[in-house]
Amino acid sequence: MFQGREPVVQNSLGRVATPLRPAEPGHVRLYTCGPTVYARPHLGNLRPYVFSDTLRRALEWKGARVTQVVNITDVGHAVGDGDLGEDKVEVAARAAQESVWAVTERYTEDFFENLRLLNIREHTHSPRASAYVPQMIAFAEELERKGFAYRIPSGLYFDTARSEGYGRLALRGSGDDDVHRLETVEGKRQPADFALWRAEVGEQKRLVHWDSPWGPGVPGWHLECSVMAIELLGQHFDVHTGGVDHRQIHHVNEIAQSEAYLGDGLPWVPVWLHNEFITLGSAKMAKSSGRVPVLDDLVADGHHPLAYRLFLLTAHYGSQLEFNESGVRNASASYRRLLGRTAGYAAPAPATYAEAYAALTTPAAIAHLDAVDEAISDDLNTPRVLAQLNVLLRDDTISEADREVLVGTVELLLGLGLGTTDPAELDRPAVELAVPAEEVDRLVAARTTARAERDWAEADRLRDHLAGLGVTLTDGPDGTTWQATPLD
């Protein structure tokens, strides 16, 4: 089925090593939970997409065809893990005094630009949740018809007590949920029950809503992924990926509603993979924690975007990785050295393992290829792939032609721009602020106070003043973020 070794992954479903065997030989159908486009993606937000891109690259290198879906959540994601209140995108739209669609389009474009800078391959499908609301309503109607859902004033809720094996992905049941993360909603039968449809309550009027059998409102966040995945990949598919923060609730609920909807007694998806957090100190990197770094911050500090990709790949996707200044500096230095050592190997590499194997001329070179294959097949062990790259670059027993094939192979797997990125691109001057960062924080805080007091003239004056200092502001539901930008 696969060229080279059969890939084995650490399946979150059961926490066991699992051979990756697609239902259709030679074709892997892959779903990756995409962003909620209410703010700029921070560096931690980007790890799931470098991870899933590396998985896709490995599978394609092994000769498989991969259909990958990464959704765009532009509606329905409630603030926190609640089922009431506004959506994150609506909060962002009100803060920016813009339409929901203007906000989501801007941040969708920003997300795709970040993917381009990180050399992430274009996804097969990038569906917007707002385009699939009729299908979501039909899906929820079927769950209600089957008795898996019940109505309360705030909408339609999934009855987790009816879901056999609920919570098995999280290694828990419906009775021991992470209740501290769940919103108390009057009428819910169990704390873990979740909204399939979030109706407008009382005088509440959403900026965007749809009519439904349960009243005007928006779909529940969990519903979106099930519907888009089934629509684009089929009733059952091979691999579902996402951040580890989705493993305990969001993905648990996706499984419950999808298996209830299908009703065929089969596991919805056999393999679930989760990347760990990027941390700032001892806490995960999150927008709600305050100002967090974005990719443009690294570029403004003089780092190449692919140095951040290298930073991520030096750790296994399933391990936490601390983000700090020294780590990024070290990654940039390592990336500069790596580009210097691979600068002469720019020829296109054989596209697959079999083609690379056929192109190599000596047992020593084939041994390097097999070592790379063994590492990437072992749950995407990218640190070992990088270590093997350093070994083969020092091996004087292989020819330059073989070395070029091997370097190209590693590039296909890791996407670091080896042989094509000019080392001179790393000589980017850092963007210098006209005042210390502490002063920028003080001015941003003063503007936040002015906005809270509805002193729009003062808020606009402070924004213009900050722009003159080379600072760009972004207002969102979690506050205002800023970044240094070059002055003309």
Protein backbone atom coordinates (compact mmCIF):
# COMPACT_ATOMS: atom_id res chain seq x y z
CA MET A 1 0.00 0.00 0.00
CA PHE A 2 2.77 2.44 0.94
CA GLN A 3 6.25 2.67 -0.54
CA GLY A 4 8.95 1.96 2.03
CA ARG A 5 7.87 1.28 5.59
CA GLU A 6 4.26 1.32 6.70
CA PRO A 7 3.70 4.53 8.71
CA VAL A 8 2.82 3.99 12.36
CA VAL A 9 1.29 6.85 14.36
CA GLN A 10 0.38 7.45 18.00
CA ASN A 11 -3.39 7.25 17.82
CA SER A 12 -5.16 9.43 20.39
CA LEU A 13 -8.05 6.97 20.22
CA GLY A 14 -6.79 4.57 22.88
CA ARG A 15 -3.35 6.23 23.09
CA VAL A 16 -1.82 3.37 21.12
CA ALA A 17 0.63 3.04 18.23
CA THR A 18 -1.46 2.32 15.13
CA PRO A 19 -0.46 1.45 11.55
CA LEU A 20 -1.98 3.97 9.18
CA ARG A 21 -4.04 1.89 6.75
CA PRO A 22 -6.52 3.88 4.65
CA ALA A 23 -9.83 2.31 3.75
CA GLU A 24 -9.11 2.94 0.07
CA PRO A 25 -5.59 1.65 -0.65
CA GLY A 26 -3.36 4.43 -1.90
CA HIS A 27 -5.75 7.23 -0.96
CA VAL A 28 -5.68 8.90 2.45
CA ARG A 29 -8.58 11.18 3.40
CA LEU A 30 -7.47 13.67 6.03
CA TYR A 31 -9.40 16.29 8.00
CA THR A 32 -7.67 19.01 10.01
CA CYS A 33 -9.58 21.36 12.29
CA GLY A 34 -9.05 24.84 10.92
CA PRO A 35 -9.01 28.29 12.53
CA THR A 36 -11.80 30.45 13.85
CA VAL A 37 -11.09 33.61 11.89
CA TYR A 38 -11.75 36.31 14.48
CA ALA A 39 -8.13 37.37 15.05
CA ARG A 40 -4.67 36.96 13.59
CA PRO A 41 -3.24 33.47 14.17
CA HIS A 42 -0.52 33.47 16.81
CA LEU A 43 2.52 31.23 16.59
CA GLY A 44 0.88 28.47 18.63
CA ASN A 45 -2.14 28.47 16.31
CA LEU A 46 0.14 27.63 13.38
CA ARG A 47 1.60 24.41 14.78
CA PRO A 48 -1.35 22.17 13.77
CA TYR A 49 -0.91 23.16 10.12
CA VAL A 50 2.84 22.58 9.99
CA PHE A 51 2.15 19.20 11.63
CA SER A 52 -0.64 18.17 9.25
CA ASP A 53 1.39 19.44 6.28
CA THR A 54 4.30 17.25 7.36
CA LEU A 55 1.95 14.27 7.65
CA ARG A 56 0.59 14.95 4.18
CA ARG A 57 4.08 15.34 2.72
CA ALA A 58 5.16 12.02 4.25
CA LEU A 59 2.12 10.17 2.91
CA GLU A 60 2.52 11.64 -0.58
CA TRP A 61 6.23 10.79 -0.55
CA LYS A 62 5.21 7.22 0.23
CA GLY A 63 3.11 7.18 -2.92
CA ALA A 64 -0.35 7.91 -1.52
CA ARG A 65 -2.84 10.40 -2.85
CA VAL A 66 -4.03 12.67 -0.05
CA THR A 67 -7.31 14.58 0.05
CA GLN A 68 -7.03 17.13 2.83
CA VAL A 69 -9.80 19.31 4.22
CA VAL A 70 -9.01 22.26 6.51
CA ASN A 71 -12.14 24.19 7.45
CA ILE A 72 -12.55 27.90 8.10
CA THR A 73 -14.86 28.62 11.05
CA ASP A 74 -16.43 31.97 10.20
CA VAL A 75 -19.57 31.48 12.28
CA GLY A 76 -20.83 29.50 15.25
CA HIS A 77 -17.79 29.36 17.58
CA ALA A 78 -19.02 30.69 20.90
CA VAL A 79 -16.76 32.63 23.24
CA GLY A 80 -14.98 30.16 25.53
CA ASP A 81 -16.55 26.70 25.47
CA GLY A 82 -20.05 27.98 26.08
CA ASP A 83 -23.24 27.54 24.09
CA LEU A 84 -24.77 30.93 24.89
CA GLY A 85 -23.72 34.46 24.10
CA GLU A 86 -21.99 35.85 21.04
CA ASP A 87 -19.71 34.14 18.59
CA LYS A 88 -16.03 35.03 18.65
CA VAL A 89 -16.32 36.56 15.18
CA GLU A 90 -19.26 38.72 16.26
CA VAL A 91 -17.35 40.00 19.27
CA ALA A 92 -14.44 40.85 16.96
CA ALA A 93 -16.75 42.58 14.48
CA ARG A 94 -18.32 44.73 17.21
CA ALA A 95 -14.88 45.63 18.58
CA ALA A 96 -13.63 46.64 15.13
CA GLN A 97 -16.96 48.29 14.18
CA GLU A 98 -17.01 46.24 10.99
CA SER A 99 -19.26 43.59 9.48
CA VAL A 100 -18.75 39.94 10.37
CA TRP A 101 -17.83 39.20 6.77
CA ALA A 102 -15.21 41.97 6.61
CA VAL A 103 -13.56 40.59 9.76
CA THR A 104 -13.64 36.96 8.69
CA GLU A 105 -12.38 37.71 5.19
CA ARG A 106 -9.45 39.74 6.53
CA TYR A 107 -8.38 37.08 9.00
CA THR A 108 -8.94 34.25 6.52
CA GLU A 109 -6.58 35.98 4.11
CA ASP A 110 -4.12 36.51 6.95
CA PHE A 111 -4.29 32.79 7.82
CA PHE A 112 -3.59 31.72 4.24
CA GLU A 113 -0.70 34.20 3.97
CA ASN A 114 0.82 32.66 7.11
CA LEU A 115 0.51 29.20 5.54
CA ARG A 116 2.23 30.45 2.39
CA LEU A 117 5.10 31.93 4.38
CA LEU A 118 5.53 28.61 6.21
CA ASN A 119 5.63 26.66 2.91
CA ILE A 120 2.46 24.71 3.75
CA ARG A 121 0.93 23.07 0.69
CA GLU A 122 -2.44 24.30 -0.49
CA HIS A 123 -5.24 22.24 0.99
CA THR A 124 -7.50 20.22 -1.28
CA HIS A 125 -10.55 21.91 0.25
CA SER A 126 -10.84 24.93 2.56
CA PRO A 127 -14.59 25.15 3.21
CA ARG A 128 -16.18 28.06 5.05
CA ALA A 129 -18.64 27.01 7.74
CA SER A 130 -21.10 29.70 6.64
CA ALA A 131 -21.47 27.97 3.25
CA TYR A 132 -22.69 24.73 4.84
CA VAL A 133 -25.42 25.94 7.20
CA PRO A 134 -28.30 24.26 5.26
CA GLN A 135 -26.49 20.93 5.51
CA MET A 136 -25.92 21.52 9.23
CA ILE A 137 -29.62 22.14 9.78
CA ALA A 138 -30.49 18.92 7.93
CA PHE A 139 -27.89 17.02 10.00
CA ALA A 140 -29.33 18.35 13.26
CA GLU A 141 -32.90 17.55 12.14
CA GLU A 142 -31.85 13.94 11.57
CA LEU A 143 -30.34 13.72 15.05
CA GLU A 144 -33.57 15.10 16.53
CA ARG A 145 -35.64 12.66 14.50
CA LYS A 146 -33.54 9.76 15.83
CA GLY A 147 -33.99 10.90 19.43
CA PHE A 148 -30.41 12.04 20.02
CA ALA A 149 -31.35 15.71 20.47
CA TYR A 150 -33.81 17.73 22.55
CA ARG A 151 -35.10 21.29 22.47
CA ILE A 152 -34.77 23.89 25.18
CA PRO A 153 -35.31 27.67 24.87
CA SER A 154 -31.68 28.31 23.97
CA GLY A 155 -31.67 25.85 21.08
CA LEU A 156 -31.24 22.19 20.15
CA TYR A 157 -28.92 20.08 22.29
CA PHE A 158 -27.27 16.71 21.80
CA ASP A 159 -28.10 14.17 24.52
CA THR A 160 -24.73 12.67 25.44
CA ALA A 161 -26.41 10.02 27.61
CA ARG A 162 -27.71 8.46 24.38
CA SER A 163 -24.19 8.20 22.94
CA GLU A 164 -22.65 4.80 23.59
CA GLY A 165 -18.98 5.16 24.48
CA TYR A 166 -19.20 8.93 24.79
CA GLY A 167 -15.83 10.40 25.72
CA ARG A 168 -13.66 7.43 24.75
CA LEU A 169 -11.29 9.70 22.82
CA ALA A 170 -10.74 11.73 25.99
CA LEU A 171 -10.58 8.56 28.13
CA ARG A 172 -13.61 9.63 30.12
CA GLY A 173 -17.41 9.43 30.12
CA SER A 174 -20.23 11.93 30.08
CA GLY A 175 -20.40 11.97 33.89
CA ASP A 176 -16.84 13.17 34.51
CA ASP A 177 -16.58 15.93 31.95
CA ASP A 178 -14.32 18.96 32.28
CA VAL A 179 -17.24 20.84 33.83
CA HIS A 180 -15.10 23.87 34.58
CA ARG A 181 -14.83 24.45 30.84
CA LEU A 182 -18.55 24.08 30.15
CA GLU A 183 -21.20 26.74 30.44
CA THR A 184 -24.21 26.13 32.68
CA VAL A 185 -27.32 26.30 30.50
CA GLU A 186 -30.79 26.03 31.98
CA GLY A 187 -32.56 22.92 30.72
CA LYS A 188 -29.51 20.84 29.84
CA ARG A 189 -29.92 17.23 30.93
CA GLN A 190 -26.22 16.54 31.48
CA PRO A 191 -23.33 19.01 31.86
CA ALA A 192 -21.64 17.50 28.79
CA ASP A 193 -24.64 18.00 26.49
CA PHE A 194 -23.80 20.46 23.75
CA ALA A 195 -25.59 22.76 21.33
CA LEU A 196 -26.35 21.60 17.82
CA TRP A 197 -28.22 24.85 17.19
CA ARG A 198 -27.82 28.03 19.24
CA ALA A 199 -31.06 30.00 19.06
CA GLU A 200 -31.41 33.68 19.77
CA VAL A 201 -32.63 34.07 23.35
CA GLY A 202 -34.90 36.84 24.56
CA GLU A 203 -33.91 40.18 23.07
CA GLN A 204 -30.66 38.83 21.69
CA LYS A 205 -30.07 39.68 18.04
CA ARG A 206 -27.02 38.25 16.39
CA LEU A 207 -25.18 40.12 13.67
CA VAL A 208 -25.61 37.03 11.49
CA HIS A 209 -28.25 34.34 11.86
CA TRP A 210 -30.22 31.76 9.90
CA ASP A 211 -33.79 30.55 10.22
CA SER A 212 -34.23 26.99 11.45
CA PRO A 213 -36.86 24.66 12.97
CA TRP A 214 -35.54 25.81 16.38
CA GLY A 215 -35.76 29.50 15.67
CA PRO A 216 -33.31 32.04 14.27
CA GLY A 217 -29.74 31.37 15.33
CA VAL A 218 -26.44 29.79 14.38
CA PRO A 219 -25.10 26.23 14.30
CA GLY A 220 -23.15 24.82 17.21
CA TRP A 221 -19.41 24.86 16.76
CA HIS A 222 -18.96 21.08 16.99
CA LEU A 223 -21.61 20.48 14.31
CA GLU A 224 -19.66 22.35 11.67
CA CYS A 225 -16.69 20.00 11.45
CA SER A 226 -18.80 16.83 11.27
CA VAL A 227 -20.91 18.19 8.44
CA MET A 228 -18.05 19.58 6.35
CA ALA A 229 -15.92 16.46 6.84
CA ILE A 230 -18.71 14.10 5.79
CA GLU A 231 -19.70 16.32 2.87
CA LEU A 232 -16.16 16.49 1.46
CA LEU A 233 -14.51 13.23 2.58
CA GLY A 234 -17.39 10.78 2.86
CA GLN A 235 -19.22 9.23 5.79
CA HIS A 236 -16.03 7.66 7.13
CA PHE A 237 -12.47 8.79 6.44
CA ASP A 238 -8.99 7.87 7.56
CA VAL A 239 -7.36 10.51 9.78
CA HIS A 240 -8.54 13.48 11.81
CA THR A 241 -5.95 15.91 13.22
CA GLY A 242 -5.97 18.98 15.42
CA GLY A 243 -4.54 20.58 18.53
CA VAL A 244 -4.54 18.66 21.80
CA ASP A 245 -6.95 21.23 23.24
CA HIS A 246 -9.64 19.75 20.94
CA ARG A 247 -9.12 16.20 22.20
CA GLN A 248 -11.15 16.46 25.41
CA ILE A 249 -14.35 18.18 24.22
CA HIS A 250 -14.56 19.32 20.59
CA HIS A 251 -13.43 16.08 18.99
CA VAL A 252 -15.32 13.99 21.53
CA ASN A 253 -18.49 15.79 20.48
CA GLU A 254 -17.71 15.46 16.79
CA ILE A 255 -17.48 11.69 17.24
CA ALA A 256 -20.69 11.45 19.27
CA GLN A 257 -22.87 13.38 16.85
CA SER A 258 -21.36 11.84 13.72
CA GLU A 259 -21.75 8.24 14.90
CA ALA A 260 -25.31 8.99 16.05
CA TYR A 261 -26.11 10.53 12.66
CA LEU A 262 -24.61 7.67 10.64
CA GLY A 263 -25.99 4.92 12.88
CA ASP A 264 -24.00 2.16 11.22
CA GLY A 265 -22.20 0.93 14.34
CA LEU A 266 -18.77 1.75 12.91
CA PRO A 267 -16.15 4.11 14.34
CA TRP A 268 -16.51 7.41 12.53
CA VAL A 269 -12.75 7.92 12.07
CA PRO A 270 -10.21 5.24 13.08
CA VAL A 271 -7.13 7.45 13.61
CA TRP A 272 -6.97 10.72 15.58
CA LEU A 273 -3.72 12.68 15.88
CA HIS A 274 -3.13 15.70 18.11
CA ASN A 275 -0.24 18.11 18.31
CA GLU A 276 0.77 19.52 21.68
CA PHE A 277 0.84 23.17 22.75
CA ILE A 278 3.43 25.82 22.17
CA THR A 279 4.00 27.29 25.62
CA LEU A 280 5.03 30.71 26.88
CA GLY A 281 6.71 29.90 30.16
CA SER A 282 4.51 27.35 31.92
CA ALA A 283 1.25 28.30 30.16
CA LYS A 284 -0.01 27.41 26.70
CA MET A 285 0.14 30.15 24.10
CA ALA A 286 -3.40 31.54 23.84
CA LYS A 287 -5.01 34.79 22.71
CA SER A 288 -6.90 35.03 25.99
CA SER A 289 -3.63 35.26 27.94
CA GLY A 290 -2.82 38.69 26.53
CA ARG A 291 -0.46 39.78 23.79
CA VAL A 292 1.03 36.74 22.06
CA PRO A 293 3.55 36.66 19.21
CA VAL A 294 2.46 36.27 15.60
CA LEU A 295 4.55 35.31 12.59
CA ASP A 296 4.95 38.94 11.53
CA ASP A 297 6.58 39.63 14.89
CA LEU A 298 9.34 37.16 14.07
CA VAL A 299 9.80 38.67 10.61
CA ALA A 300 9.91 42.15 12.15
CA ASP A 301 12.63 40.90 14.50
CA GLY A 302 14.69 39.77 11.48
CA HIS A 303 13.82 36.05 11.43
CA HIS A 304 12.86 34.12 8.30
CA PRO A 305 9.41 32.43 8.51
CA LEU A 306 10.93 29.05 7.65
CA ALA A 307 13.23 29.35 10.64
CA TYR A 308 10.05 29.06 12.70
CA ARG A 309 9.04 25.98 10.70
CA LEU A 310 12.45 24.51 11.55
CA PHE A 311 11.91 25.48 15.20
CA LEU A 312 8.68 23.44 15.21
CA LEU A 313 10.21 20.44 13.45
CA THR A 314 13.08 20.16 15.92
CA ALA A 315 10.52 18.79 18.39
CA HIS A 316 8.09 15.92 17.95
CA TYR A 317 4.58 17.18 17.21
CA GLY A 318 3.26 15.32 20.26
CA SER A 319 5.55 17.09 22.73
CA GLN A 320 5.10 20.54 24.23
CA LEU A 321 7.53 23.12 22.92
CA GLU A 322 8.44 26.28 24.79
CA PHE A 323 8.65 29.46 22.74
CA ASN A 324 11.32 31.88 23.87
CA GLU A 325 13.76 34.33 22.35
CA SER A 326 16.82 32.11 22.67
CA GLY A 327 15.03 29.18 21.04
CA VAL A 328 14.06 31.27 18.02
CA ARG A 329 17.58 32.73 17.74
CA ASN A 330 19.03 29.23 17.82
CA ALA A 331 16.55 28.06 15.16
CA SER A 332 17.50 31.00 12.93
CA ALA A 333 21.20 30.25 13.35
CA SER A 334 20.61 26.56 12.61
CA TYR A 335 18.55 27.45 9.56
CA ARG A 336 21.29 29.73 8.25
CA ARG A 337 23.86 26.95 8.64
CA LEU A 338 21.56 24.42 7.00
CA LEU A 339 20.93 26.64 4.00
CA GLY A 340 24.65 27.20 3.62
CA ARG A 341 25.35 23.45 3.66
CA THR A 342 22.59 22.65 1.14
CA ALA A 343 22.94 25.65 -1.18
CA GLY A 344 24.33 23.59 -4.04
CA TYR A 345 21.53 21.03 -4.10
CA ALA A 346 18.73 22.74 -5.98
CA ALA A 347 17.69 20.06 -8.49
CA PRO A 348 14.12 18.75 -8.11
CA ALA A 349 14.12 15.58 -6.01
CA PRO A 350 12.46 12.33 -7.02
CA ALA A 351 8.85 12.70 -5.88
CA THR A 352 8.49 9.41 -4.00
CA TYR A 353 10.44 6.91 -1.95
CA ALA A 354 10.49 4.44 -4.85
CA GLU A 355 11.81 7.03 -7.29
CA ALA A 356 14.49 8.15 -4.84
CA TYR A 357 15.52 4.55 -4.17
CA ALA A 358 15.87 3.94 -7.92
CA ALA A 359 17.92 7.11 -8.39
CA LEU A 360 20.55 6.30 -5.73
CA THR A 361 23.71 4.55 -6.82
CA THR A 362 25.34 3.02 -3.73
CA PRO A 363 24.32 0.96 -0.68
CA ALA A 364 25.58 3.75 1.59
CA ALA A 365 23.23 6.27 0.01
CA ILE A 366 20.32 3.81 0.18
CA ALA A 367 21.09 3.28 3.86
CA HIS A 368 20.63 7.02 4.43
CA LEU A 369 17.33 6.92 2.55
CA ASP A 370 16.13 4.02 4.67
CA ALA A 371 17.12 5.85 7.85
CA VAL A 372 15.07 8.88 6.77
CA ASP A 373 12.16 6.59 5.89
CA GLU A 374 12.38 4.81 9.24
CA ALA A 375 12.30 8.12 11.11
CA ILE A 376 9.38 9.69 9.23
CA SER A 377 7.42 6.41 9.40
CA ASP A 378 7.83 6.33 13.18
CA ASP A 379 5.04 8.76 14.08
CA LEU A 380 6.60 11.59 12.03
CA ASN A 381 9.82 11.74 14.01
CA THR A 382 11.08 14.96 12.41
CA PRO A 383 13.94 15.49 14.92
CA ARG A 384 15.42 12.17 13.74
CA VAL A 385 14.97 13.18 10.09
CA LEU A 386 16.91 16.38 10.79
CA ALA A 387 19.61 14.43 12.61
CA GLN A 388 19.91 12.07 9.64
CA LEU A 389 20.19 15.04 7.29
CA ASN A 390 23.22 16.26 9.26
CA VAL A 391 24.75 12.77 9.12
CA LEU A 392 24.38 12.43 5.35
CA LEU A 393 25.75 15.94 4.74
CA ARG A 394 28.95 14.87 6.54
CA ASP A 395 29.24 11.49 4.82
CA ASP A 396 32.16 11.71 2.39
CA THR A 397 31.54 8.19 1.06
CA ILE A 398 28.49 9.14 -1.02
CA SER A 399 28.57 10.99 -4.31
CA GLU A 400 27.36 14.55 -4.80
CA ALA A 401 24.61 13.24 -7.09
CA ASP A 402 23.35 10.88 -4.37
CA ARG A 403 23.61 13.61 -1.77
CA GLU A 404 21.48 15.89 -3.95
CA VAL A 405 18.77 13.20 -4.13
CA LEU A 406 18.86 12.75 -0.35
CA VAL A 407 18.77 16.46 0.43
CA GLY A 408 15.86 16.83 -1.98
CA THR A 409 14.08 13.96 -0.25
CA VAL A 410 14.38 15.63 3.15
CA GLU A 411 13.15 18.87 1.61
CA LEU A 412 10.07 17.13 0.22
CA LEU A 413 9.32 15.78 3.70
CA LEU A 414 10.08 18.86 5.81
CA GLY A 415 9.40 21.79 3.48
CA LEU A 416 12.26 23.99 4.69
CA GLY A 417 13.21 25.52 1.35
CA LEU A 418 16.52 23.64 1.23
CA GLY A 419 18.39 24.36 -1.98
CA THR A 420 15.92 27.06 -3.02
CA THR A 421 15.92 29.66 -0.24
CA ASP A 422 18.72 32.18 -0.71
CA PRO A 423 20.69 32.53 2.55
CA ALA A 424 20.70 36.29 1.84
CA GLU A 425 16.95 36.26 2.59
CA LEU A 426 17.90 35.70 6.22
CA ASP A 427 19.65 39.05 6.36
CA ARG A 428 16.46 40.89 7.22
CA PRO A 429 16.92 43.93 9.43
CA ALA A 430 14.81 43.94 12.54
CA VAL A 431 12.12 46.59 12.68
CA GLU A 432 13.19 49.14 15.26
CA LEU A 433 10.57 50.79 17.43
CA ALA A 434 10.78 54.54 17.89
CA VAL A 435 10.06 54.08 21.61
CA PRO A 436 10.56 51.20 24.07
CA ALA A 437 8.02 48.37 24.00
CA GLU A 438 6.93 49.32 27.52
CA GLU A 439 5.88 52.74 26.22
CA VAL A 440 3.92 51.10 23.40
CA ASP A 441 2.12 48.93 25.96
CA ARG A 442 1.28 52.07 27.98
CA LEU A 443 -0.13 53.87 24.93
CA VAL A 444 -2.16 50.83 23.89
CA ALA A 445 -3.58 50.58 27.42
CA ALA A 446 -4.50 54.29 27.33
CA ARG A 447 -6.30 53.78 24.03
CA THR A 448 -8.16 50.77 25.46
CA THR A 449 -9.34 52.98 28.33
CA ALA A 450 -10.44 55.68 25.89
CA ARG A 451 -12.44 53.14 23.89
CA ALA A 452 -14.06 51.78 27.06
CA GLU A 453 -15.10 55.36 27.93
CA ARG A 454 -16.33 55.85 24.33
CA ASP A 455 -13.87 58.69 23.83
CA TRP A 456 -13.43 57.87 20.16
CA ALA A 457 -11.51 61.03 19.32
CA GLU A 458 -8.82 60.21 21.89
CA ALA A 459 -8.75 56.56 20.82
CA ASP A 460 -8.24 57.60 17.18
CA ARG A 461 -5.54 60.11 18.20
CA LEU A 462 -3.63 57.40 20.07
CA ARG A 463 -3.96 54.97 17.16
CA ASP A 464 -2.56 57.61 14.77
CA HIS A 465 0.24 58.41 17.22
CA LEU A 466 1.18 54.73 17.48
CA ALA A 467 1.11 54.38 13.70
CA GLY A 468 3.59 57.23 13.52
CA LEU A 469 5.85 55.27 15.87
CA GLY A 470 5.77 52.24 13.57
CA VAL A 471 3.11 50.29 15.48
CA THR A 472 0.08 48.63 13.88
CA LEU A 473 -2.91 47.79 16.10
CA THR A 474 -5.45 44.98 15.74
CA ASP A 475 -8.63 45.10 17.82
CA GLY A 476 -10.24 41.78 18.69
CA PRO A 477 -12.51 40.13 21.27
CA ASP A 478 -9.53 39.33 23.50
CA GLY A 479 -8.25 42.90 23.43
CA THR A 480 -5.87 44.87 21.25
CA THR A 481 -2.64 43.42 19.89
CA TRP A 482 0.18 45.38 18.32
CA GLN A 483 3.16 44.73 16.10
CA ALA A 484 6.11 46.74 14.85
CA THR A 485 5.95 47.62 11.17
CA PRO A 486 8.48 49.34 8.89
CA LEU A 487 8.07 53.07 8.53
CA ASP A 488 8.20 54.56 5.04
